[in-house]
C-alpha atoms as a PDB file:
ATOM      1  CA  MET A   1      31.612  19.628  16.251  1.00  0.00           C
ATOM      2  CA  ALA A   2      30.923  17.104  19.024  1.00  0.00           C
ATOM      3  CA  ASN A   3      27.569  15.423  18.425  1.00  0.00           C
ATOM      4  CA  TRP A   4      27.479  12.715  21.055  1.00  0.00           C
ATOM      5  CA  PHE A   5      24.292  12.167  23.022  1.00  0.00           C
ATOM      6  CA  SER A   6      23.585   9.869  25.931  1.00  0.00           C
ATOM      7  CA  THR A   7      20.738   7.451  25.243  1.00  0.00           C
ATOM      8  CA  ALA A   8      19.930   7.720  28.959  1.00  0.00           C
ATOM      9  CA  ASP A   9      19.297  11.492  28.803  1.00  0.00           C
ATOM     10  CA  ARG A  10      15.711  11.875  30.022  1.00  0.00           C
ATOM     11  CA  VAL A  11      15.909  15.688  29.839  1.00  0.00           C
ATOM     12  CA  LEU A  12      16.786  15.499  26.141  1.00  0.00           C
ATOM     13  CA  ALA A  13      14.033  12.940  25.550  1.00  0.00           C
ATOM     14  CA  ALA A  14      11.464  15.152  27.291  1.00  0.00           C
ATOM     15  CA  ARG A  15      12.508  18.123  25.129  1.00  0.00           C
ATOM     16  CA  VAL A  16      12.172  16.103  21.935  1.00  0.00           C
ATOM     17  CA  GLU A  17       8.800  14.652  22.946  1.00  0.00           C
ATOM     18  CA  ALA A  18       7.504  18.135  23.811  1.00  0.00           C
ATOM     19  CA  ALA A  19       8.614  19.445  20.403  1.00  0.00           C
ATOM     20  CA  GLU A  20       6.933  16.469  18.723  1.00  0.00           C
ATOM     21  CA  SER A  21       3.704  17.275  20.560  1.00  0.00           C
ATOM     22  CA  GLU A  22       3.875  20.938  19.582  1.00  0.00           C
ATOM     23  CA  ASN A  23       4.486  19.996  15.980  1.00  0.00           C
ATOM     24  CA  MET A  24       1.530  17.608  15.860  1.00  0.00           C
ATOM     25  CA  MET A  25      -0.767  20.277  17.313  1.00  0.00           C
ATOM     26  CA  ARG A  26       0.328  22.723  14.603  1.00  0.00           C
ATOM     27  CA  LEU A  27      -0.328  20.135  11.886  1.00  0.00           C
ATOM     28  CA  ALA A  28      -3.728  19.291  13.377  1.00  0.00           C
ATOM     29  CA  ASP A  29      -4.693  22.973  13.526  1.00  0.00           C
ATOM     30  CA  SER A  30      -4.000  23.267   9.799  1.00  0.00           C
ATOM     31  CA  LEU A  31      -5.855  20.048   9.048  1.00  0.00           C
ATOM     32  CA  LYS A  32      -8.982  21.263  10.866  1.00  0.00           C
ATOM     33  CA  ARG A  33      -9.493  23.841   8.108  1.00  0.00           C
ATOM     34  CA  VAL A  34     -10.382  21.104   5.615  1.00  0.00           C
ATOM     35  CA  GLN A  35     -11.418  18.171   7.847  1.00  0.00           C
ATOM     36  CA  ARG A  36     -14.193  19.054  10.252  1.00  0.00           C
ATOM     37  CA  ASP A  37     -13.799  16.020  12.505  1.00  0.00           C
ATOM     38  CA  ALA A  38     -10.064  16.553  13.023  1.00  0.00           C
ATOM     39  CA  ALA A  39      -9.285  17.196  16.693  1.00  0.00           C
ATOM     40  CA  TYR A  40      -6.582  17.126  19.307  1.00  0.00           C
ATOM     41  CA  GLU A  41      -6.449  17.267  23.087  1.00  0.00           C
ATOM     42  CA  PRO A  42      -3.536  17.433  25.551  1.00  0.00           C
ATOM     43  CA  PHE A  43      -2.972  14.424  27.801  1.00  0.00           C
ATOM     44  CA  ALA A  44      -0.174  13.321  30.117  1.00  0.00           C
ATOM     45  CA  GLY A  45       2.233  16.021  28.956  1.00  0.00           C
ATOM     46  CA  GLY A  46       1.676  15.173  25.292  1.00  0.00           C
ATOM     47  CA  VAL A  47      -1.192  15.281  22.836  1.00  0.00           C
ATOM     48  CA  ALA A  48      -3.756  12.934  21.290  1.00  0.00           C
ATOM     49  CA  VAL A  49      -4.588  13.705  17.653  1.00  0.00           C
ATOM     50  CA  PHE A  50      -7.536  12.459  15.607  1.00  0.00           C
ATOM     51  CA  ALA A  51      -7.327  12.920  11.842  1.00  0.00           C
ATOM     52  CA  GLY A  52      -9.712  10.156  10.797  1.00  0.00           C
ATOM     53  CA  VAL A  53      -9.850   6.430  11.534  1.00  0.00           C
ATOM     54  CA  GLY A  54      -6.759   4.781  10.083  1.00  0.00           C
ATOM     55  CA  SER A  55      -4.919   8.045   9.395  1.00  0.00           C
ATOM     56  CA  GLY A  56      -1.200   8.048  10.110  1.00  0.00           C
ATOM     57  CA  MET A  57      -1.759  11.272  12.059  1.00  0.00           C
ATOM     58  CA  THR A  58      -4.258   9.638  14.407  1.00  0.00           C
ATOM     59  CA  HIS A  59      -2.191   8.809  17.466  1.00  0.00           C
ATOM     60  CA  ALA A  60      -0.907  10.094  20.802  1.00  0.00           C
ATOM     61  CA  VAL A  61       2.606  11.515  21.019  1.00  0.00           C
ATOM     62  CA  GLY A  62       4.784  12.949  23.751  1.00  0.00           C
ATOM     63  CA  ILE A  63       2.804  11.391  26.573  1.00  0.00           C
ATOM     64  CA  GLY A  64       4.016  10.027  29.875  1.00  0.00           C
ATOM     65  CA  MET A  65       7.409  11.635  30.388  1.00  0.00           C
ATOM     66  CA  ARG A  66       6.305  12.172  33.991  1.00  0.00           C
ATOM     67  CA  PHE A  67       4.160  10.217  36.447  1.00  0.00           C
ATOM     68  CA  THR A  68       0.649   9.942  35.035  1.00  0.00           C
ATOM     69  CA  PRO A  69      -2.392   8.606  36.933  1.00  0.00           C
ATOM     70  CA  ALA A  70      -4.248   5.764  35.254  1.00  0.00           C
ATOM     71  CA  GLU A  71      -7.393   7.925  35.167  1.00  0.00           C
ATOM     72  CA  GLU A  72      -5.745  10.412  32.807  1.00  0.00           C
ATOM     73  CA  LEU A  73      -4.595   7.636  30.498  1.00  0.00           C
ATOM     74  CA  GLU A  74      -8.106   6.208  30.480  1.00  0.00           C
ATOM     75  CA  ARG A  75      -9.450   9.629  29.472  1.00  0.00           C
ATOM     76  CA  MET A  76      -6.928   9.674  26.634  1.00  0.00           C
ATOM     77  CA  GLU A  77      -8.133   6.259  25.508  1.00  0.00           C
ATOM     78  CA  GLY A  78     -11.669   7.621  25.577  1.00  0.00           C
ATOM     79  CA  PHE A  79     -10.643  10.414  23.195  1.00  0.00           C
ATOM     80  CA  PHE A  80      -9.997   7.774  20.541  1.00  0.00           C
ATOM     81  CA  ARG A  81     -12.753   5.319  21.509  1.00  0.00           C
ATOM     82  CA  ASP A  82     -15.425   8.041  21.317  1.00  0.00           C
ATOM     83  CA  ARG A  83     -14.322   8.735  17.720  1.00  0.00           C
ATOM     84  CA  GLY A  84     -14.459   5.099  16.676  1.00  0.00           C
ATOM     85  CA  SER A  85     -10.694   4.748  16.498  1.00  0.00           C
ATOM     86  CA  PRO A  86      -8.192   2.420  18.133  1.00  0.00           C
ATOM     87  CA  CYS A  87      -5.915   4.129  20.646  1.00  0.00           C
ATOM     88  CA  VAL A  88      -2.489   4.389  19.062  1.00  0.00           C
ATOM     89  CA  ILE A  89       0.427   5.630  21.176  1.00  0.00           C
ATOM     90  CA  ASP A  90       3.934   6.470  20.002  1.00  0.00           C
ATOM     91  CA  LEU A  91       5.526   5.612  23.334  1.00  0.00           C
ATOM     92  CA  CYS A  92       9.001   6.856  24.178  1.00  0.00           C
ATOM     93  CA  ALA A  93      11.256   4.139  25.595  1.00  0.00           C
ATOM     94  CA  LEU A  94      12.153   6.578  28.400  1.00  0.00           C
ATOM     95  CA  ALA A  95       8.539   7.189  29.397  1.00  0.00           C
ATOM     96  CA  ASP A  96       7.605   7.060  33.065  1.00  0.00           C
ATOM     97  CA  GLU A  97       6.995   3.630  34.595  1.00  0.00           C
ATOM     98  CA  SER A  98       3.390   4.588  35.373  1.00  0.00           C
ATOM     99  CA  VAL A  99       2.610   4.817  31.658  1.00  0.00           C
ATOM    100  CA  ILE A 100       4.512   1.682  30.687  1.00  0.00           C
ATOM    101  CA  GLY A 101       2.741  -0.184  33.485  1.00  0.00           C
ATOM    102  CA  HIS A 102      -0.670   0.970  32.240  1.00  0.00           C
ATOM    103  CA  VAL A 103       0.059  -0.250  28.719  1.00  0.00           C
ATOM    104  CA  GLN A 104       1.197  -3.613  30.067  1.00  0.00           C
ATOM    105  CA  THR A 105      -2.086  -4.169  31.913  1.00  0.00           C
ATOM    106  CA  LYS A 106      -4.305  -3.366  28.900  1.00  0.00           C
ATOM    107  CA  PRO A 107      -4.769  -5.251  25.611  1.00  0.00           C
ATOM    108  CA  TYR A 108      -2.254  -3.234  23.602  1.00  0.00           C
ATOM    109  CA  ARG A 109      -0.295  -4.775  20.746  1.00  0.00           C
ATOM    110  CA  VAL A 110       2.964  -3.609  19.241  1.00  0.00           C
ATOM    111  CA  ALA A 111       2.289  -2.134  15.796  1.00  0.00           C
ATOM    112  CA  GLU A 112       5.653  -0.652  14.834  1.00  0.00           C
ATOM    113  CA  LEU A 113       9.096   0.288  16.132  1.00  0.00           C
ATOM    114  CA  ASN A 114      10.736   3.616  15.284  1.00  0.00           C
ATOM    115  CA  ASN A 115      14.155   5.060  15.976  1.00  0.00           C
ATOM    116  CA  VAL A 116      14.385   8.694  17.081  1.00  0.00           C
ATOM    117  CA  LEU A 117      17.581  10.305  15.783  1.00  0.00           C
ATOM    118  CA  ALA A 118      19.037  13.674  16.758  1.00  0.00           C
ATOM    119  CA  ARG A 119      21.807  15.993  15.639  1.00  0.00           C
ATOM    120  CA  ARG A 120      23.186  19.207  17.063  1.00  0.00           C
ATOM    121  CA  ILE A 121      23.242  22.254  14.779  1.00  0.00           C
ATOM    122  CA  GLY A 122      26.158  24.662  15.083  1.00  0.00           C
ATOM    123  CA  ALA A 123      25.423  28.381  14.814  1.00  0.00           C
ATOM    124  CA  ASP A 124      28.180  28.809  12.200  1.00  0.00           C
ATOM    125  CA  GLU A 125      27.984  25.343  10.659  1.00  0.00           C
ATOM    126  CA  GLU A 126      28.235  24.839   6.896  1.00  0.00           C
ATOM    127  CA  PHE A 127      26.255  22.099   5.198  1.00  0.00           C
ATOM    128  CA  GLY A 128      26.679  19.804   2.191  1.00  0.00           C
ATOM    129  CA  SER A 129      25.336  19.909  -1.350  1.00  0.00           C
ATOM    130  CA  MET A 130      21.805  21.189  -1.881  1.00  0.00           C
ATOM    131  CA  GLU A 131      21.931  21.222  -5.667  1.00  0.00           C
ATOM    132  CA  GLY A 132      18.499  20.872  -7.213  1.00  0.00           C
ATOM    133  CA  ILE A 133      16.640  21.503  -3.938  1.00  0.00           C
ATOM    134  CA  GLU A 134      13.932  24.163  -3.833  1.00  0.00           C
ATOM    135  CA  PRO A 135      11.755  25.518  -1.028  1.00  0.00           C
ATOM    136  CA  VAL A 136       8.050  25.083  -1.766  1.00  0.00           C
ATOM    137  CA  GLN A 137       5.796  28.103  -1.941  1.00  0.00           C
ATOM    138  CA  GLU A 138       2.109  27.893  -1.090  1.00  0.00           C
ATOM    139  CA  ASP A 139       1.001  27.470  -4.718  1.00  0.00           C
ATOM    140  CA  ARG A 140       3.059  24.248  -4.997  1.00  0.00           C
ATOM    141  CA  LEU A 141       2.083  22.602  -1.726  1.00  0.00           C
ATOM    142  CA  GLU A 142      -0.382  20.296  -3.457  1.00  0.00           C
ATOM    143  CA  GLN A 143       2.328  19.124  -5.853  1.00  0.00           C
ATOM    144  CA  ALA A 144       4.674  18.411  -2.946  1.00  0.00           C
ATOM    145  CA  GLY A 145       1.889  16.676  -1.049  1.00  0.00           C
ATOM    146  CA  ARG A 146       1.268  14.403  -4.020  1.00  0.00           C
ATOM    147  CA  VAL A 147       4.941  13.384  -4.063  1.00  0.00           C
ATOM    148  CA  ILE A 148       4.813  12.531  -0.333  1.00  0.00           C
ATOM    149  CA  LEU A 149       1.613  10.512  -0.676  1.00  0.00           C
ATOM    150  CA  GLU A 150       2.903   8.644  -3.725  1.00  0.00           C
ATOM    151  CA  GLY A 151       6.198   7.972  -1.987  1.00  0.00           C
ATOM    152  CA  PHE A 152       4.448   6.465   1.042  1.00  0.00           C
ATOM    153  CA  SER A 153       1.930   4.414  -0.964  1.00  0.00           C
ATOM    154  CA  GLU A 154       4.171   2.912  -3.607  1.00  0.00           C
ATOM    155  CA  ALA A 155       2.428  -0.465  -3.590  1.00  0.00           C
ATOM    156  CA  MET A 156      -1.014   0.994  -4.369  1.00  0.00           C
ATOM    157  CA  PRO A 157      -2.486   4.321  -5.539  1.00  0.00           C
ATOM    158  CA  PHE A 158      -3.430   6.705  -2.745  1.00  0.00           C
ATOM    159  CA  PRO A 159      -7.038   7.953  -2.558  1.00  0.00           C
ATOM    160  CA  GLU A 160      -7.394  11.391  -4.113  1.00  0.00           C
ATOM    161  CA  ASP A 161      -9.419  12.593  -1.141  1.00  0.00           C
ATOM    162  CA  ALA A 162      -6.236  12.287   0.955  1.00  0.00           C
ATOM    163  CA  LEU A 163      -4.578  15.101  -0.979  1.00  0.00           C
ATOM    164  CA  PRO A 164      -6.461  18.089   0.526  1.00  0.00           C
ATOM    165  CA  ALA A 165      -5.621  16.871   4.047  1.00  0.00           C
ATOM    166  CA  MET A 166      -1.959  16.403   3.156  1.00  0.00           C
ATOM    167  CA  ARG A 167      -1.785  19.858   1.579  1.00  0.00           C
ATOM    168  CA  ALA A 168      -3.439  21.442   4.607  1.00  0.00           C
ATOM    169  CA  SER A 169      -1.018  19.807   7.056  1.00  0.00           C
ATOM    170  CA  LEU A 170       1.919  21.019   4.976  1.00  0.00           C
ATOM    171  CA  GLU A 171       0.756  24.605   5.465  1.00  0.00           C
ATOM    172  CA  ALA A 172       2.157  24.345   9.009  1.00  0.00           C
ATOM    173  CA  SER A 173       5.513  23.136   7.683  1.00  0.00           C
ATOM    174  CA  HIS A 174       8.494  24.308   5.694  1.00  0.00           C
ATOM    175  CA  VAL A 175       8.597  22.039   2.647  1.00  0.00           C
ATOM    176  CA  PHE A 176      11.385  21.310   0.161  1.00  0.00           C
ATOM    177  CA  VAL A 177      11.415  19.358  -3.099  1.00  0.00           C
ATOM    178  CA  SER A 178      14.095  17.833  -5.306  1.00  0.00           C
ATOM    179  CA  GLY A 179      13.718  17.824  -9.089  1.00  0.00           C
ATOM    180  CA  HIS A 180      12.651  20.503 -11.546  1.00  0.00           C
ATOM    181  CA  PRO A 181      10.152  21.029 -13.067  1.00  0.00           C
ATOM    182  CA  THR A 182       8.691  17.730 -11.813  1.00  0.00           C
ATOM    183  CA  PRO A 183       9.724  16.849  -8.238  1.00  0.00           C
ATOM    184  CA  VAL A 184      10.938  13.322  -7.535  1.00  0.00           C
ATOM    185  CA  ALA A 185      11.379  13.777  -3.767  1.00  0.00           C
ATOM    186  CA  ALA A 186       9.968  15.950  -1.001  1.00  0.00           C
ATOM    187  CA  ALA A 187      10.414  16.495   2.736  1.00  0.00           C
ATOM    188  CA  ALA A 188       9.177  18.825   5.475  1.00  0.00           C
ATOM    189  CA  VAL A 189      10.419  20.401   8.682  1.00  0.00           C
ATOM    190  CA  GLY A 190       8.763  22.215  11.571  1.00  0.00           C
ATOM    191  CA  PHE A 191      10.621  24.605  13.872  1.00  0.00           C
ATOM    192  CA  ARG A 192       9.340  24.116  17.413  1.00  0.00           C
ATOM    193  CA  SER A 193      10.959  25.723  20.474  1.00  0.00           C
ATOM    194  CA  GLY A 194      14.470  25.523  19.049  1.00  0.00           C
ATOM    195  CA  VAL A 195      14.027  21.972  17.744  1.00  0.00           C
ATOM    196  CA  ALA A 196      13.806  21.252  14.012  1.00  0.00           C
ATOM    197  CA  MET A 197      11.422  18.322  13.523  1.00  0.00           C
ATOM    198  CA  PHE A 198      12.164  16.523  10.226  1.00  0.00           C
ATOM    199  CA  TYR A 199       9.362  14.455   8.655  1.00  0.00           C
ATOM    200  CA  GLY A 200       7.560  13.589   5.435  1.00  0.00           C
ATOM    201  CA  ASP A 201      10.662  12.298   3.641  1.00  0.00           C
ATOM    202  CA  ALA A 202       9.506  10.622   0.413  1.00  0.00           C
ATOM    203  CA  THR A 203      11.314   9.740  -2.806  1.00  0.00           C
ATOM    204  CA  LEU A 204       9.624   8.401  -5.923  1.00  0.00           C
ATOM    205  CA  ALA A 205      11.101   5.449  -7.783  1.00  0.00           C
ATOM    206  CA  ALA A 206      12.445   7.823 -10.461  1.00  0.00           C
ATOM    207  CA  GLY A 207      14.509   9.666  -7.849  1.00  0.00           C
ATOM    208  CA  ARG A 208      16.044   6.720  -6.024  1.00  0.00           C
ATOM    209  CA  ARG A 209      19.841   6.516  -5.649  1.00  0.00           C
ATOM    210  CA  SER A 210      20.177  10.135  -6.791  1.00  0.00           C
ATOM    211  CA  GLY A 211      21.114  11.555  -3.379  1.00  0.00           C
ATOM    212  CA  SER A 212      17.850  13.482  -3.208  1.00  0.00           C
ATOM    213  CA  GLN A 213      17.073  12.639   0.394  1.00  0.00           C
ATOM    214  CA  SER A 214      20.587  13.490   1.555  1.00  0.00           C
ATOM    215  CA  LYS A 215      20.322  16.897  -0.127  1.00  0.00           C
ATOM    216  CA  LEU A 216      16.889  17.473   1.403  1.00  0.00           C
ATOM    217  CA  ILE A 217      18.391  16.753   4.822  1.00  0.00           C
ATOM    218  CA  GLN A 218      21.158  19.304   4.206  1.00  0.00           C
ATOM    219  CA  ALA A 219      18.663  21.925   3.025  1.00  0.00           C
ATOM    220  CA  ARG A 220      16.530  21.493   6.149  1.00  0.00           C
ATOM    221  CA  LEU A 221      19.578  21.657   8.411  1.00  0.00           C
ATOM    222  CA  ALA A 222      20.544  24.948   6.782  1.00  0.00           C
ATOM    223  CA  ALA A 223      16.988  26.271   7.212  1.00  0.00           C
ATOM    224  CA  ALA A 224      16.979  25.152  10.852  1.00  0.00           C
ATOM    225  CA  ARG A 225      20.209  27.018  11.511  1.00  0.00           C
ATOM    226  CA  GLN A 226      18.644  30.160  10.022  1.00  0.00           C
ATOM    227  CA  GLN A 227      15.738  29.705  12.449  1.00  0.00           C
ATOM    228  CA  SER A 228      18.223  29.505  15.375  1.00  0.00           C
ATOM    229  CA  CYS A 229      17.432  25.846  16.100  1.00  0.00           C
ATOM    230  CA  ASP A 230      20.194  24.048  17.989  1.00  0.00           C
ATOM    231  CA  LEU A 231      18.778  20.542  17.569  1.00  0.00           C
ATOM    232  CA  ALA A 232      17.373  18.532  14.653  1.00  0.00           C
ATOM    233  CA  VAL A 233      15.281  15.380  15.127  1.00  0.00           C
ATOM    234  CA  ALA A 234      14.009  12.716  12.744  1.00  0.00           C
ATOM    235  CA  THR A 235      12.018   9.521  13.305  1.00  0.00           C
ATOM    236  CA  VAL A 236      12.825   6.597  11.021  1.00  0.00           C
ATOM    237  CA  LEU A 237      12.160   2.897  10.589  1.00  0.00           C
ATOM    238  CA  PRO A 238      15.122   0.941  11.971  1.00  0.00           C
ATOM    239  CA  GLY A 239      17.498  -0.252   9.267  1.00  0.00           C
ATOM    240  CA  SER A 240      15.764   1.678   6.484  1.00  0.00           C
ATOM    241  CA  GLY A 241      17.391   3.727   3.761  1.00  0.00           C
ATOM    242  CA  SER A 242      16.279   6.852   5.613  1.00  0.00           C
ATOM    243  CA  HIS A 243      17.964   5.554   8.759  1.00  0.00           C
ATOM    244  CA  ARG A 244      21.265   5.221   6.897  1.00  0.00           C
ATOM    245  CA  ASN A 245      20.948   8.609   5.158  1.00  0.00           C
ATOM    246  CA  TYR A 246      20.306  10.420   8.435  1.00  0.00           C
ATOM    247  CA  GLU A 247      23.249   8.710  10.107  1.00  0.00           C
ATOM    248  CA  ARG A 248      25.483   9.811   7.228  1.00  0.00           C
ATOM    249  CA  ALA A 249      24.290  13.375   7.902  1.00  0.00           C
ATOM    250  CA  GLY A 250      25.468  13.171  11.525  1.00  0.00           C
ATOM    251  CA  PHE A 251      22.252  12.080  13.247  1.00  0.00           C
ATOM    252  CA  GLN A 252      22.538   9.667  16.183  1.00  0.00           C
ATOM    253  CA  LEU A 253      20.057   7.285  17.773  1.00  0.00           C
ATOM    254  CA  ILE A 254      18.836   8.716  21.093  1.00  0.00           C
ATOM    255  CA  TYR A 255      15.935   6.368  21.865  1.00  0.00           C
ATOM    256  CA  MET A 256      13.301   4.126  20.342  1.00  0.00           C
ATOM    257  CA  ARG A 257       9.563   4.704  20.170  1.00  0.00           C
ATOM    258  CA  VAL A 258       7.262   1.719  20.443  1.00  0.00           C
ATOM    259  CA  ASN A 259       4.042   2.245  18.508  1.00  0.00           C
ATOM    260  CA  VAL A 260       1.329   0.406  20.470  1.00  0.00           C
ATOM    261  CA  CYS A 261      -2.333   0.031  19.553  1.00  0.00           C
ATOM    262  CA  ARG A 262      -5.443  -0.855  21.542  1.00  0.00           C
ATOM    263  CA  ASP A 263      -8.604  -1.822  19.674  1.00  0.00           C
ATOM    264  CA  PHE A 264     -12.026  -1.205  21.226  1.00  0.00           C
ATOM    265  CA  LYS A 265     -14.802  -3.692  20.525  1.00  0.00           C
END
């Protein structure tokens, strides 16, 4: 099946950014059930999400794929400033010049670079090995959330009060784990307007080099096909193990996101 994308395809980029925004709103809605100050608000075609100062969910996504007046971007910045948080934007490299120009004239700093990868999903496509992979039911969401938090905080223990928020956000996702009875890897997917958004990939040290992530990718592709999604998308750190595993599964780089941050003093 042909899987080639043009990295200059602004229509594709706009579709992916819209799906990312929809997914973040769903996660934030679930989070609001356990975190009273969690909030989100649409801006510039995307969404700004607040999930606590310093939270990885606190950022703006999907913004600026069309011309956006500076006043609207300033209102978005106010959304974060009023909550005591820096303004963090995951900015698509294909964003409109009006948004890029605004960022250039303000004291933003580059915090991180991410690659956005995509893959077509054939309606009759067969997928690779999923041995040892299980879908997570509601009564095991906390266990899966613990694996994800531990996988992302390997250098230091994660605070236990982060677990209820992680579990709540996973309620808006389809979650899979590898390893029985004790999972060693976990990952999530959200189905948004025909796009399968892959995220939350985490593997504990005990599960490394076992192929767990590759199998979790295959399981989510199969689930996405069942949900009639024609496109799968993942965001990864450039050059990471996840980057390589997704490429092996047929994903292709379509654009980069530049994570920029503005502090308010």
